[in-house]
């Protein structure tokens, strides 16, 4: 009988470990990671401060890539396995060979007239937009030059285009803007009609027309940002805590993450949010990338990246409390696969 109980305990413990919500992936240092993006479930890039990392095995190993930038890198955008762009404060870089060599189009500091950039989006290898502190810039030749560069009265943080003409961007103080002419003109859209004007750091877009933004309340648009509804309130237990990022993989499944290491998940499109077991670290969560409803990564301020292959949920396999009448044991044909990475329980 004791032998049976011991075996049941080992099986339950092993399943609990292997089905943990999020596992920790190390970058090799403690420098904050501000963005993480993948082109498939194996190959991705991450960035933060003045560092760029790449993985080709789902983040089990991240290695740092050399580049010429010495300033803060805020976002990274892989177009494909070869062409990747990165922007930040006073810098804009590109690689055409997966990051083996990075080229800076501009790279400098304060007083040089260069823009403070926060976000970027590329439709293909050539056409893309950069946004930041009162600026919007468009390129049609892969960053060699810019057209329709203009002053926008906003501190923009993120941008998305569904085609060459129609785009949206969000920013600080509940800023949200929409364009229908490729970025020549940005029209402000009111998301929060009254009350606190929270910063919008990241956009989430699904099926072109569905858009979410959020910080504490979550807002959703079903017409690509023209009109908005407040649909859910994140149950944050710490006063004045801000959610930096929001990401959806489908119409119903999404995550938010932010200060104090807090992360929440929704399974109903954002109406209700449940806390995730994101570990004991209180470092901020700045970016989330979802490959599908189950596979996701999140960047942290302590130099680590979190990863889940279970949608962030622990399996709830019920274990019977009844004692078997016989002590005969059968071979376990589905032994859980061990994981070499440290896991949150």
C-alpha atoms as a PDB file:
ATOM      1  CA  UNK A   1       0.000   0.000   0.000  1.00  0.00           C
ATOM      2  CA  UNK A   2       2.784   2.442   0.887  1.00  0.00           C
ATOM      3  CA  UNK A   3       4.435   1.641  -2.426  1.00  0.00           C
ATOM      4  CA  UNK A   4       1.256   2.506  -4.328  1.00  0.00           C
ATOM      5  CA  UNK A   5       0.856   5.829  -2.474  1.00  0.00           C
ATOM      6  CA  UNK A   6       4.500   6.732  -3.168  1.00  0.00           C
ATOM      7  CA  UNK A   7       4.146   6.013  -6.880  1.00  0.00           C
ATOM      8  CA  UNK A   8       0.956   8.102  -7.076  1.00  0.00           C
ATOM      9  CA  UNK A   9       2.744  11.010  -5.347  1.00  0.00           C
ATOM     10  CA  UNK A  10       5.677  10.820  -7.798  1.00  0.00           C
ATOM     11  CA  UNK A  11       3.317  10.817 -10.801  1.00  0.00           C
ATOM     12  CA  UNK A  12       1.311  13.794  -9.478  1.00  0.00           C
ATOM     13  CA  UNK A  13       4.470  15.780  -8.660  1.00  0.00           C
ATOM     14  CA  UNK A  14       6.019  15.029 -12.046  1.00  0.00           C
ATOM     15  CA  UNK A  15       2.874  16.074 -13.915  1.00  0.00           C
ATOM     16  CA  UNK A  16       2.608  19.254 -11.831  1.00  0.00           C
ATOM     17  CA  UNK A  17       6.174  20.244 -12.706  1.00  0.00           C
ATOM     18  CA  UNK A  18       5.917  19.488 -16.395  1.00  0.00           C
ATOM     19  CA  UNK A  19       2.555  21.238 -16.713  1.00  0.00           C
ATOM     20  CA  UNK A  20       3.636  24.375 -14.876  1.00  0.00           C
ATOM     21  CA  UNK A  21       2.125  27.598 -16.153  1.00  0.00           C
ATOM     22  CA  UNK A  22       5.318  29.390 -17.167  1.00  0.00           C
ATOM     23  CA  UNK A  23       8.940  28.313 -17.346  1.00  0.00           C
ATOM     24  CA  UNK A  24      11.930  30.638 -17.107  1.00  0.00           C
ATOM     25  CA  UNK A  25      14.313  31.114 -20.040  1.00  0.00           C
ATOM     26  CA  UNK A  26      17.628  32.827 -19.336  1.00  0.00           C
ATOM     27  CA  UNK A  27      19.209  35.436 -21.633  1.00  0.00           C
ATOM     28  CA  UNK A  28      22.559  35.292 -19.859  1.00  0.00           C
ATOM     29  CA  UNK A  29      22.358  38.623 -18.017  1.00  0.00           C
ATOM     30  CA  UNK A  30      19.975  40.737 -15.963  1.00  0.00           C
ATOM     31  CA  UNK A  31      19.453  43.537 -18.491  1.00  0.00           C
ATOM     32  CA  UNK A  32      15.712  44.277 -18.945  1.00  0.00           C
ATOM     33  CA  UNK A  33      14.044  42.590 -21.921  1.00  0.00           C
ATOM     34  CA  UNK A  34      11.510  44.969 -23.458  1.00  0.00           C
ATOM     35  CA  UNK A  35      10.210  43.028 -26.451  1.00  0.00           C
ATOM     36  CA  UNK A  36      10.017  39.439 -27.693  1.00  0.00           C
ATOM     37  CA  UNK A  37       8.787  38.381 -31.151  1.00  0.00           C
ATOM     38  CA  UNK A  38       8.772  35.106 -33.111  1.00  0.00           C
ATOM     39  CA  UNK A  39       8.321  34.180 -36.778  1.00  0.00           C
ATOM     40  CA  UNK A  40       7.432  30.561 -35.950  1.00  0.00           C
ATOM     41  CA  UNK A  41       7.422  28.411 -32.832  1.00  0.00           C
ATOM     42  CA  UNK A  42      11.205  27.962 -32.959  1.00  0.00           C
ATOM     43  CA  UNK A  43      12.829  31.174 -34.202  1.00  0.00           C
ATOM     44  CA  UNK A  44      12.504  34.492 -32.444  1.00  0.00           C
ATOM     45  CA  UNK A  45      14.259  37.649 -31.277  1.00  0.00           C
ATOM     46  CA  UNK A  46      14.175  39.706 -28.102  1.00  0.00           C
ATOM     47  CA  UNK A  47      15.590  43.108 -27.220  1.00  0.00           C
ATOM     48  CA  UNK A  48      16.018  45.526 -24.366  1.00  0.00           C
ATOM     49  CA  UNK A  49      18.326  48.308 -23.245  1.00  0.00           C
ATOM     50  CA  UNK A  50      21.083  47.963 -25.870  1.00  0.00           C
ATOM     51  CA  UNK A  51      20.925  44.185 -26.310  1.00  0.00           C
ATOM     52  CA  UNK A  52      19.474  41.876 -28.972  1.00  0.00           C
ATOM     53  CA  UNK A  53      18.967  38.133 -28.499  1.00  0.00           C
ATOM     54  CA  UNK A  54      18.004  35.321 -30.859  1.00  0.00           C
ATOM     55  CA  UNK A  55      16.748  31.761 -30.412  1.00  0.00           C
ATOM     56  CA  UNK A  56      16.245  28.951 -32.904  1.00  0.00           C
ATOM     57  CA  UNK A  57      14.908  26.358 -30.447  1.00  0.00           C
ATOM     58  CA  UNK A  58      11.821  27.995 -28.908  1.00  0.00           C
ATOM     59  CA  UNK A  59      13.876  29.917 -26.379  1.00  0.00           C
ATOM     60  CA  UNK A  60      15.551  26.958 -24.692  1.00  0.00           C
ATOM     61  CA  UNK A  61      18.724  28.837 -25.567  1.00  0.00           C
ATOM     62  CA  UNK A  62      19.074  32.558 -26.267  1.00  0.00           C
ATOM     63  CA  UNK A  63      22.314  34.010 -27.610  1.00  0.00           C
ATOM     64  CA  UNK A  64      23.237  37.667 -27.847  1.00  0.00           C
ATOM     65  CA  UNK A  65      23.826  39.268 -31.246  1.00  0.00           C
ATOM     66  CA  UNK A  66      26.407  41.992 -31.803  1.00  0.00           C
ATOM     67  CA  UNK A  67      25.134  45.306 -33.198  1.00  0.00           C
ATOM     68  CA  UNK A  68      26.294  48.929 -33.447  1.00  0.00           C
ATOM     69  CA  UNK A  69      23.679  50.547 -31.199  1.00  0.00           C
ATOM     70  CA  UNK A  70      24.589  51.923 -27.775  1.00  0.00           C
ATOM     71  CA  UNK A  71      21.141  53.146 -26.698  1.00  0.00           C
ATOM     72  CA  UNK A  72      17.794  51.819 -25.548  1.00  0.00           C
ATOM     73  CA  UNK A  73      16.120  49.358 -27.947  1.00  0.00           C
ATOM     74  CA  UNK A  74      12.351  49.280 -27.421  1.00  0.00           C
ATOM     75  CA  UNK A  75      10.897  47.012 -30.105  1.00  0.00           C
ATOM     76  CA  UNK A  76      12.035  44.416 -32.600  1.00  0.00           C
ATOM     77  CA  UNK A  77      10.166  43.262 -35.705  1.00  0.00           C
ATOM     78  CA  UNK A  78      11.119  40.118 -37.655  1.00  0.00           C
ATOM     79  CA  UNK A  79       9.643  40.148 -41.172  1.00  0.00           C
ATOM     80  CA  UNK A  80      11.037  36.705 -41.915  1.00  0.00           C
ATOM     81  CA  UNK A  81      13.999  34.546 -40.894  1.00  0.00           C
ATOM     82  CA  UNK A  82      16.445  36.967 -42.544  1.00  0.00           C
ATOM     83  CA  UNK A  83      15.023  40.503 -42.413  1.00  0.00           C
ATOM     84  CA  UNK A  84      14.561  41.969 -38.921  1.00  0.00           C
ATOM     85  CA  UNK A  85      14.181  45.598 -37.812  1.00  0.00           C
ATOM     86  CA  UNK A  86      14.722  47.202 -34.396  1.00  0.00           C
ATOM     87  CA  UNK A  87      14.016  50.689 -33.049  1.00  0.00           C
ATOM     88  CA  UNK A  88      14.606  52.635 -29.878  1.00  0.00           C
ATOM     89  CA  UNK A  89      15.787  55.943 -28.533  1.00  0.00           C
ATOM     90  CA  UNK A  90      17.728  57.683 -31.321  1.00  0.00           C
ATOM     91  CA  UNK A  91      18.282  54.447 -33.237  1.00  0.00           C
ATOM     92  CA  UNK A  92      16.938  52.345 -36.099  1.00  0.00           C
ATOM     93  CA  UNK A  93      18.649  49.129 -37.215  1.00  0.00           C
ATOM     94  CA  UNK A  94      18.191  46.323 -39.719  1.00  0.00           C
ATOM     95  CA  UNK A  95      19.605  42.900 -40.496  1.00  0.00           C
ATOM     96  CA  UNK A  96      19.195  40.943 -43.731  1.00  0.00           C
ATOM     97  CA  UNK A  97      20.849  37.724 -42.552  1.00  0.00           C
ATOM     98  CA  UNK A  98      18.979  36.836 -39.401  1.00  0.00           C
ATOM     99  CA  UNK A  99      21.075  39.042 -37.163  1.00  0.00           C
ATOM    100  CA  UNK A 100      24.589  37.915 -38.004  1.00  0.00           C
ATOM    101  CA  UNK A 101      25.220  41.512 -39.101  1.00  0.00           C
ATOM    102  CA  UNK A 102      23.154  44.507 -37.981  1.00  0.00           C
ATOM    103  CA  UNK A 103      23.321  47.845 -39.792  1.00  0.00           C
ATOM    104  CA  UNK A 104      22.321  51.141 -38.158  1.00  0.00           C
ATOM    105  CA  UNK A 105      20.476  53.596 -40.407  1.00  0.00           C
ATOM    106  CA  UNK A 106      20.785  56.170 -37.687  1.00  0.00           C
ATOM    107  CA  UNK A 107      22.344  55.831 -34.278  1.00  0.00           C
ATOM    108  CA  UNK A 108      23.126  58.681 -31.943  1.00  0.00           C
ATOM    109  CA  UNK A 109      22.223  60.472 -28.758  1.00  0.00           C
ATOM    110  CA  UNK A 110      20.504  63.576 -27.510  1.00  0.00           C
ATOM    111  CA  UNK A 111      21.226  66.832 -29.311  1.00  0.00           C
ATOM    112  CA  UNK A 112      21.636  65.231 -32.727  1.00  0.00           C
ATOM    113  CA  UNK A 113      18.094  65.821 -33.915  1.00  0.00           C
ATOM    114  CA  UNK A 114      17.302  62.099 -34.108  1.00  0.00           C
ATOM    115  CA  UNK A 115      13.843  60.845 -33.073  1.00  0.00           C
ATOM    116  CA  UNK A 116      13.030  58.952 -29.892  1.00  0.00           C
ATOM    117  CA  UNK A 117      11.337  55.871 -31.352  1.00  0.00           C
ATOM    118  CA  UNK A 118       9.140  53.437 -29.442  1.00  0.00           C
ATOM    119  CA  UNK A 119       7.411  51.167 -31.966  1.00  0.00           C
ATOM    120  CA  UNK A 120       7.448  49.834 -35.522  1.00  0.00           C
ATOM    121  CA  UNK A 121       5.450  47.710 -37.952  1.00  0.00           C
ATOM    122  CA  UNK A 122       6.403  46.297 -41.368  1.00  0.00           C
ATOM    123  CA  UNK A 123       4.018  44.868 -43.956  1.00  0.00           C
ATOM    124  CA  UNK A 124       6.902  43.276 -45.850  1.00  0.00           C
ATOM    125  CA  UNK A 125      10.661  43.622 -46.286  1.00  0.00           C
ATOM    126  CA  UNK A 126      10.353  47.152 -47.697  1.00  0.00           C
ATOM    127  CA  UNK A 127       7.250  48.916 -46.402  1.00  0.00           C
ATOM    128  CA  UNK A 128       7.005  49.871 -42.748  1.00  0.00           C
ATOM    129  CA  UNK A 129       6.344  52.592 -40.186  1.00  0.00           C
ATOM    130  CA  UNK A 130       8.250  53.879 -37.168  1.00  0.00           C
ATOM    131  CA  UNK A 131       6.521  55.842 -34.383  1.00  0.00           C
ATOM    132  CA  UNK A 132       7.639  57.542 -31.211  1.00  0.00           C
ATOM    133  CA  UNK A 133       7.853  60.874 -29.461  1.00  0.00           C
ATOM    134  CA  UNK A 134       5.677  63.199 -31.633  1.00  0.00           C
ATOM    135  CA  UNK A 135       6.808  61.479 -34.819  1.00  0.00           C
ATOM    136  CA  UNK A 136       5.535  59.063 -37.464  1.00  0.00           C
ATOM    137  CA  UNK A 137       7.823  57.854 -40.263  1.00  0.00           C
ATOM    138  CA  UNK A 138       7.164  55.641 -43.291  1.00  0.00           C
ATOM    139  CA  UNK A 139       9.631  53.798 -45.511  1.00  0.00           C
ATOM    140  CA  UNK A 140       8.981  52.002 -48.790  1.00  0.00           C
ATOM    141  CA  UNK A 141      12.553  50.888 -49.462  1.00  0.00           C
ATOM    142  CA  UNK A 142      13.503  48.979 -46.348  1.00  0.00           C
ATOM    143  CA  UNK A 143      14.651  51.967 -44.321  1.00  0.00           C
ATOM    144  CA  UNK A 144      16.962  53.557 -46.867  1.00  0.00           C
ATOM    145  CA  UNK A 145      14.775  56.678 -46.837  1.00  0.00           C
ATOM    146  CA  UNK A 146      11.494  57.900 -45.369  1.00  0.00           C
ATOM    147  CA  UNK A 147       8.378  59.473 -46.841  1.00  0.00           C
ATOM    148  CA  UNK A 148       5.433  61.039 -45.068  1.00  0.00           C
ATOM    149  CA  UNK A 149       7.524  61.688 -41.966  1.00  0.00           C
ATOM    150  CA  UNK A 150       5.638  64.117 -39.801  1.00  0.00           C
ATOM    151  CA  UNK A 151       5.020  65.501 -36.374  1.00  0.00           C
ATOM    152  CA  UNK A 152       2.157  63.818 -34.514  1.00  0.00           C
ATOM    153  CA  UNK A 153       1.016  65.377 -31.269  1.00  0.00           C
ATOM    154  CA  UNK A 154       1.415  62.168 -29.310  1.00  0.00           C
ATOM    155  CA  UNK A 155       3.964  59.999 -27.592  1.00  0.00           C
ATOM    156  CA  UNK A 156       3.170  56.907 -29.631  1.00  0.00           C
ATOM    157  CA  UNK A 157       4.173  53.507 -28.271  1.00  0.00           C
ATOM    158  CA  UNK A 158       2.885  50.933 -30.757  1.00  0.00           C
ATOM    159  CA  UNK A 159       1.641  50.809 -34.353  1.00  0.00           C
ATOM    160  CA  UNK A 160      -0.123  48.338 -36.667  1.00  0.00           C
ATOM    161  CA  UNK A 161      -1.114  48.415 -40.348  1.00  0.00           C
ATOM    162  CA  UNK A 162      -3.533  45.980 -41.979  1.00  0.00           C
ATOM    163  CA  UNK A 163      -2.545  47.170 -45.468  1.00  0.00           C
ATOM    164  CA  UNK A 164      -0.521  49.995 -46.999  1.00  0.00           C
ATOM    165  CA  UNK A 165      -3.251  52.587 -46.364  1.00  0.00           C
ATOM    166  CA  UNK A 166      -5.020  51.657 -43.112  1.00  0.00           C
ATOM    167  CA  UNK A 167      -3.249  51.745 -39.792  1.00  0.00           C
ATOM    168  CA  UNK A 168      -3.639  52.454 -36.078  1.00  0.00           C
ATOM    169  CA  UNK A 169      -1.311  53.488 -33.288  1.00  0.00           C
ATOM    170  CA  UNK A 170      -1.601  53.943 -29.531  1.00  0.00           C
ATOM    171  CA  UNK A 171       0.344  55.865 -26.931  1.00  0.00           C
ATOM    172  CA  UNK A 172       0.511  57.649 -23.627  1.00  0.00           C
ATOM    173  CA  UNK A 173      -2.464  59.353 -21.923  1.00  0.00           C
ATOM    174  CA  UNK A 174      -4.992  57.056 -23.673  1.00  0.00           C
ATOM    175  CA  UNK A 175      -3.721  58.172 -27.059  1.00  0.00           C
ATOM    176  CA  UNK A 176      -5.164  56.352 -30.048  1.00  0.00           C
ATOM    177  CA  UNK A 177      -4.935  57.367 -33.688  1.00  0.00           C
ATOM    178  CA  UNK A 178      -6.090  56.017 -37.044  1.00  0.00           C
ATOM    179  CA  UNK A 179      -4.990  56.654 -40.624  1.00  0.00           C
ATOM    180  CA  UNK A 180      -6.543  55.746 -43.972  1.00  0.00           C
ATOM    181  CA  UNK A 181      -3.896  57.312 -46.217  1.00  0.00           C
ATOM    182  CA  UNK A 182      -0.790  55.380 -45.246  1.00  0.00           C
ATOM    183  CA  UNK A 183       0.180  57.678 -42.396  1.00  0.00           C
ATOM    184  CA  UNK A 184       0.041  61.060 -44.114  1.00  0.00           C
ATOM    185  CA  UNK A 185      -2.607  62.078 -41.608  1.00  0.00           C
ATOM    186  CA  UNK A 186      -3.461  60.561 -38.226  1.00  0.00           C
ATOM    187  CA  UNK A 187      -6.945  61.111 -36.775  1.00  0.00           C
ATOM    188  CA  UNK A 188      -7.283  61.011 -32.956  1.00  0.00           C
ATOM    189  CA  UNK A 189      -9.908  58.582 -31.640  1.00  0.00           C
ATOM    190  CA  UNK A 190     -11.422  58.853 -28.153  1.00  0.00           C
ATOM    191  CA  UNK A 191     -11.158  55.522 -26.339  1.00  0.00           C
ATOM    192  CA  UNK A 192     -11.841  56.680 -22.770  1.00  0.00           C
ATOM    193  CA  UNK A 193     -14.521  59.393 -22.841  1.00  0.00           C
ATOM    194  CA  UNK A 194     -14.095  60.287 -19.162  1.00  0.00           C
ATOM    195  CA  UNK A 195     -12.153  59.218 -16.115  1.00  0.00           C
ATOM    196  CA  UNK A 196      -8.424  58.440 -15.796  1.00  0.00           C
ATOM    197  CA  UNK A 197      -6.587  58.512 -19.114  1.00  0.00           C
ATOM    198  CA  UNK A 198      -4.369  55.457 -18.819  1.00  0.00           C
ATOM    199  CA  UNK A 199      -1.329  54.952 -21.026  1.00  0.00           C
ATOM    200  CA  UNK A 200      -1.694  52.476 -23.879  1.00  0.00           C
ATOM    201  CA  UNK A 201       1.680  50.816 -24.413  1.00  0.00           C
ATOM    202  CA  UNK A 202       0.717  47.930 -26.707  1.00  0.00           C
ATOM    203  CA  UNK A 203      -1.949  47.029 -29.266  1.00  0.00           C
ATOM    204  CA  UNK A 204      -3.469  43.597 -29.788  1.00  0.00           C
ATOM    205  CA  UNK A 205      -5.057  42.870 -33.181  1.00  0.00           C
ATOM    206  CA  UNK A 206      -6.870  39.701 -34.316  1.00  0.00           C
ATOM    207  CA  UNK A 207      -8.548  39.050 -37.673  1.00  0.00           C
ATOM    208  CA  UNK A 208      -7.701  42.593 -38.815  1.00  0.00           C
ATOM    209  CA  UNK A 209     -10.795  44.253 -37.298  1.00  0.00           C
ATOM    210  CA  UNK A 210     -10.647  43.234 -33.606  1.00  0.00           C
ATOM    211  CA  UNK A 211      -8.393  45.499 -31.534  1.00  0.00           C
ATOM    212  CA  UNK A 212      -7.697  45.617 -27.794  1.00  0.00           C
ATOM    213  CA  UNK A 213      -5.873  48.172 -25.644  1.00  0.00           C
ATOM    214  CA  UNK A 214      -5.670  48.288 -21.887  1.00  0.00           C
ATOM    215  CA  UNK A 215      -3.913  49.305 -18.740  1.00  0.00           C
ATOM    216  CA  UNK A 216      -6.386  48.555 -15.945  1.00  0.00           C
ATOM    217  CA  UNK A 217      -9.697  48.549 -17.765  1.00  0.00           C
ATOM    218  CA  UNK A 218      -9.555  46.742 -21.097  1.00  0.00           C
ATOM    219  CA  UNK A 219     -11.109  48.307 -24.186  1.00  0.00           C
ATOM    220  CA  UNK A 220     -12.113  46.532 -27.368  1.00  0.00           C
ATOM    221  CA  UNK A 221     -12.941  47.713 -30.859  1.00  0.00           C
ATOM    222  CA  UNK A 222     -14.674  45.566 -33.480  1.00  0.00           C
ATOM    223  CA  UNK A 223     -14.193  48.034 -36.346  1.00  0.00           C
ATOM    224  CA  UNK A 224     -10.415  48.504 -36.389  1.00  0.00           C
ATOM    225  CA  UNK A 225     -10.350  51.251 -33.800  1.00  0.00           C
ATOM    226  CA  UNK A 226     -13.147  53.560 -34.945  1.00  0.00           C
ATOM    227  CA  UNK A 227     -15.364  52.885 -31.900  1.00  0.00           C
ATOM    228  CA  UNK A 228     -14.600  51.385 -28.486  1.00  0.00           C
ATOM    229  CA  UNK A 229     -16.263  49.622 -25.569  1.00  0.00           C
ATOM    230  CA  UNK A 230     -14.955  49.086 -22.057  1.00  0.00           C
ATOM    231  CA  UNK A 231     -15.363  45.334 -21.637  1.00  0.00           C
ATOM    232  CA  UNK A 232     -13.386  44.242 -18.579  1.00  0.00           C
ATOM    233  CA  UNK A 233     -11.592  45.377 -15.451  1.00  0.00           C
ATOM    234  CA  UNK A 234      -8.371  43.577 -14.543  1.00  0.00           C
ATOM    235  CA  UNK A 235      -8.480  42.553 -10.837  1.00  0.00           C
ATOM    236  CA  UNK A 236      -5.128  44.125  -9.917  1.00  0.00           C
ATOM    237  CA  UNK A 237      -4.491  43.796  -6.155  1.00  0.00           C
ATOM    238  CA  UNK A 238      -1.763  46.469  -5.972  1.00  0.00           C
ATOM    239  CA  UNK A 239      -2.876  50.138  -6.218  1.00  0.00           C
ATOM    240  CA  UNK A 240      -1.520  52.250  -9.097  1.00  0.00           C
ATOM    241  CA  UNK A 241      -0.132  49.195 -10.904  1.00  0.00           C
ATOM    242  CA  UNK A 242      -0.036  49.551 -14.686  1.00  0.00           C
ATOM    243  CA  UNK A 243      -0.392  46.812 -17.291  1.00  0.00           C
ATOM    244  CA  UNK A 244       2.143  47.472 -20.044  1.00  0.00           C
ATOM    245  CA  UNK A 245       1.254  44.859 -22.642  1.00  0.00           C
ATOM    246  CA  UNK A 246      -1.759  43.075 -24.069  1.00  0.00           C
ATOM    247  CA  UNK A 247      -1.796  40.226 -26.579  1.00  0.00           C
ATOM    248  CA  UNK A 248      -4.485  38.008 -28.122  1.00  0.00           C
ATOM    249  CA  UNK A 249      -4.032  34.878 -30.213  1.00  0.00           C
ATOM    250  CA  UNK A 250      -7.733  34.527 -31.080  1.00  0.00           C
ATOM    251  CA  UNK A 251     -11.029  36.255 -30.439  1.00  0.00           C
ATOM    252  CA  UNK A 252     -11.259  34.787 -26.927  1.00  0.00           C
ATOM    253  CA  UNK A 253      -7.759  33.967 -25.657  1.00  0.00           C
ATOM    254  CA  UNK A 254      -5.422  36.705 -24.466  1.00  0.00           C
ATOM    255  CA  UNK A 255      -2.958  37.892 -21.816  1.00  0.00           C
ATOM    256  CA  UNK A 256      -1.999  41.164 -20.166  1.00  0.00           C
ATOM    257  CA  UNK A 257       1.179  41.812 -18.202  1.00  0.00           C
ATOM    258  CA  UNK A 258       2.780  44.719 -16.426  1.00  0.00           C
ATOM    259  CA  UNK A 259       4.294  46.114 -13.281  1.00  0.00           C
ATOM    260  CA  UNK A 260       5.078  44.046 -10.184  1.00  0.00           C
ATOM    261  CA  UNK A 261       5.411  40.955 -12.381  1.00  0.00           C
ATOM    262  CA  UNK A 262       1.646  40.610 -12.689  1.00  0.00           C
ATOM    263  CA  UNK A 263       0.026  38.689 -15.536  1.00  0.00           C
ATOM    264  CA  UNK A 264      -3.609  37.830 -16.284  1.00  0.00           C
ATOM    265  CA  UNK A 265      -5.394  35.655 -18.836  1.00  0.00           C
ATOM    266  CA  UNK A 266      -8.833  35.874 -20.439  1.00  0.00           C
ATOM    267  CA  UNK A 267     -10.748  33.104 -22.192  1.00  0.00           C
ATOM    268  CA  UNK A 268     -13.806  35.179 -23.088  1.00  0.00           C
ATOM    269  CA  UNK A 269     -12.363  37.976 -25.184  1.00  0.00           C
ATOM    270  CA  UNK A 270     -11.396  40.269 -22.295  1.00  0.00           C
ATOM    271  CA  UNK A 271     -14.534  40.422 -20.186  1.00  0.00           C
ATOM    272  CA  UNK A 272     -13.001  38.428 -17.319  1.00  0.00           C
ATOM    273  CA  UNK A 273      -9.360  38.031 -16.277  1.00  0.00           C
ATOM    274  CA  UNK A 274      -7.665  35.394 -14.096  1.00  0.00           C
ATOM    275  CA  UNK A 275      -4.219  35.824 -12.493  1.00  0.00           C
ATOM    276  CA  UNK A 276      -1.355  33.730 -13.817  1.00  0.00           C
ATOM    277  CA  UNK A 277       1.355  32.070 -11.764  1.00  0.00           C
ATOM    278  CA  UNK A 278       4.176  34.166 -13.196  1.00  0.00           C
ATOM    279  CA  UNK A 279       6.606  33.455 -10.352  1.00  0.00           C
ATOM    280  CA  UNK A 280       7.990  35.378  -7.420  1.00  0.00           C
ATOM    281  CA  UNK A 281       9.829  38.072  -9.391  1.00  0.00           C
ATOM    282  CA  UNK A 282       8.313  41.551  -9.224  1.00  0.00           C
ATOM    283  CA  UNK A 283      10.132  42.770 -12.346  1.00  0.00           C
ATOM    284  CA  UNK A 284       7.815  44.201 -14.971  1.00  0.00           C
ATOM    285  CA  UNK A 285       6.399  42.274 -17.911  1.00  0.00           C
ATOM    286  CA  UNK A 286       6.769  44.505 -20.942  1.00  0.00           C
ATOM    287  CA  UNK A 287       5.869  42.345 -23.950  1.00  0.00           C
ATOM    288  CA  UNK A 288       3.922  39.160 -24.742  1.00  0.00           C
ATOM    289  CA  UNK A 289       4.007  37.199 -27.989  1.00  0.00           C
ATOM    290  CA  UNK A 290       1.435  34.451 -28.657  1.00  0.00           C
ATOM    291  CA  UNK A 291       2.155  31.906 -31.370  1.00  0.00           C
ATOM    292  CA  UNK A 292      -1.259  30.298 -30.752  1.00  0.00           C
ATOM    293  CA  UNK A 293      -3.672  29.761 -27.871  1.00  0.00           C
ATOM    294  CA  UNK A 294      -1.194  27.497 -26.064  1.00  0.00           C
ATOM    295  CA  UNK A 295       2.314  28.685 -26.959  1.00  0.00           C
ATOM    296  CA  UNK A 296       3.470  32.112 -25.731  1.00  0.00           C
ATOM    297  CA  UNK A 297       6.480  34.069 -24.496  1.00  0.00           C
ATOM    298  CA  UNK A 298       6.708  37.108 -22.200  1.00  0.00           C
ATOM    299  CA  UNK A 299       9.683  39.428 -21.625  1.00  0.00           C
ATOM    300  CA  UNK A 300      10.693  40.584 -18.158  1.00  0.00           C
ATOM    301  CA  UNK A 301      12.640  43.408 -16.615  1.00  0.00           C
ATOM    302  CA  UNK A 302      15.110  41.117 -14.854  1.00  0.00           C
ATOM    303  CA  UNK A 303      16.730  39.751 -18.007  1.00  0.00           C
ATOM    304  CA  UNK A 304      14.580  36.657 -18.337  1.00  0.00           C
ATOM    305  CA  UNK A 305      11.880  35.479 -20.735  1.00  0.00           C
ATOM    306  CA  UNK A 306       8.916  33.360 -19.686  1.00  0.00           C
ATOM    307  CA  UNK A 307       7.476  30.616 -21.892  1.00  0.00           C
ATOM    308  CA  UNK A 308       4.372  28.438 -21.791  1.00  0.00           C
ATOM    309  CA  UNK A 309       3.231  25.579 -24.006  1.00  0.00           C
ATOM    310  CA  UNK A 310       0.016  24.983 -22.055  1.00  0.00           C
ATOM    311  CA  UNK A 311      -1.701  28.313 -22.524  1.00  0.00           C
ATOM    312  CA  UNK A 312      -0.473  29.317 -19.103  1.00  0.00           C
ATOM    313  CA  UNK A 313      -2.782  26.893 -17.375  1.00  0.00           C
ATOM    314  CA  UNK A 314      -1.798  24.019 -15.078  1.00  0.00           C
ATOM    315  CA  UNK A 315      -3.417  20.714 -16.010  1.00  0.00           C
ATOM    316  CA  UNK A 316      -6.102  19.760 -13.531  1.00  0.00           C
ATOM    317  CA  UNK A 317      -6.101  15.980 -13.872  1.00  0.00           C
ATOM    318  CA  UNK A 318      -8.157  14.623 -11.036  1.00  0.00           C
ATOM    319  CA  UNK A 319      -6.461  11.942  -8.939  1.00  0.00           C
ATOM    320  CA  UNK A 320      -8.865   9.445  -7.344  1.00  0.00           C
ATOM    321  CA  UNK A 321      -8.821   9.206  -3.553  1.00  0.00           C
ATOM    322  CA  UNK A 322     -10.031   5.618  -3.607  1.00  0.00           C
ATOM    323  CA  UNK A 323      -7.504   2.947  -2.632  1.00  0.00           C
ATOM    324  CA  UNK A 324      -7.204   0.170  -5.249  1.00  0.00           C
ATOM    325  CA  UNK A 325      -8.429  -3.245  -4.160  1.00  0.00           C
ATOM    326  CA  UNK A 326      -5.383  -4.862  -5.728  1.00  0.00           C
ATOM    327  CA  UNK A 327      -1.738  -3.956  -5.353  1.00  0.00           C
ATOM    328  CA  UNK A 328      -0.934  -4.958  -8.936  1.00  0.00           C
ATOM    329  CA  UNK A 329       0.777  -2.149 -10.802  1.00  0.00           C
ATOM    330  CA  UNK A 330       0.753  -1.548 -14.546  1.00  0.00           C
ATOM    331  CA  UNK A 331       3.584   0.036 -16.504  1.00  0.00           C
ATOM    332  CA  UNK A 332       3.247   3.775 -17.041  1.00  0.00           C
ATOM    333  CA  UNK A 333       3.097   4.013 -20.838  1.00  0.00           C
ATOM    334  CA  UNK A 334       2.928   7.820 -20.962  1.00  0.00           C
ATOM    335  CA  UNK A 335       5.747   8.941 -18.730  1.00  0.00           C
ATOM    336  CA  UNK A 336       5.951  12.749 -18.627  1.00  0.00           C
ATOM    337  CA  UNK A 337       8.835  14.265 -20.531  1.00  0.00           C
ATOM    338  CA  UNK A 338      11.303  16.022 -18.258  1.00  0.00           C
ATOM    339  CA  UNK A 339      12.150  19.673 -18.804  1.00  0.00           C
ATOM    340  CA  UNK A 340      15.620  21.041 -18.204  1.00  0.00           C
ATOM    341  CA  UNK A 341      14.429  24.593 -17.504  1.00  0.00           C
ATOM    342  CA  UNK A 342      13.430  25.832 -14.076  1.00  0.00           C
ATOM    343  CA  UNK A 343       9.666  25.940 -13.641  1.00  0.00           C
ATOM    344  CA  UNK A 344       7.204  27.808 -11.467  1.00  0.00           C
ATOM    345  CA  UNK A 345       5.026  25.525  -9.418  1.00  0.00           C
END
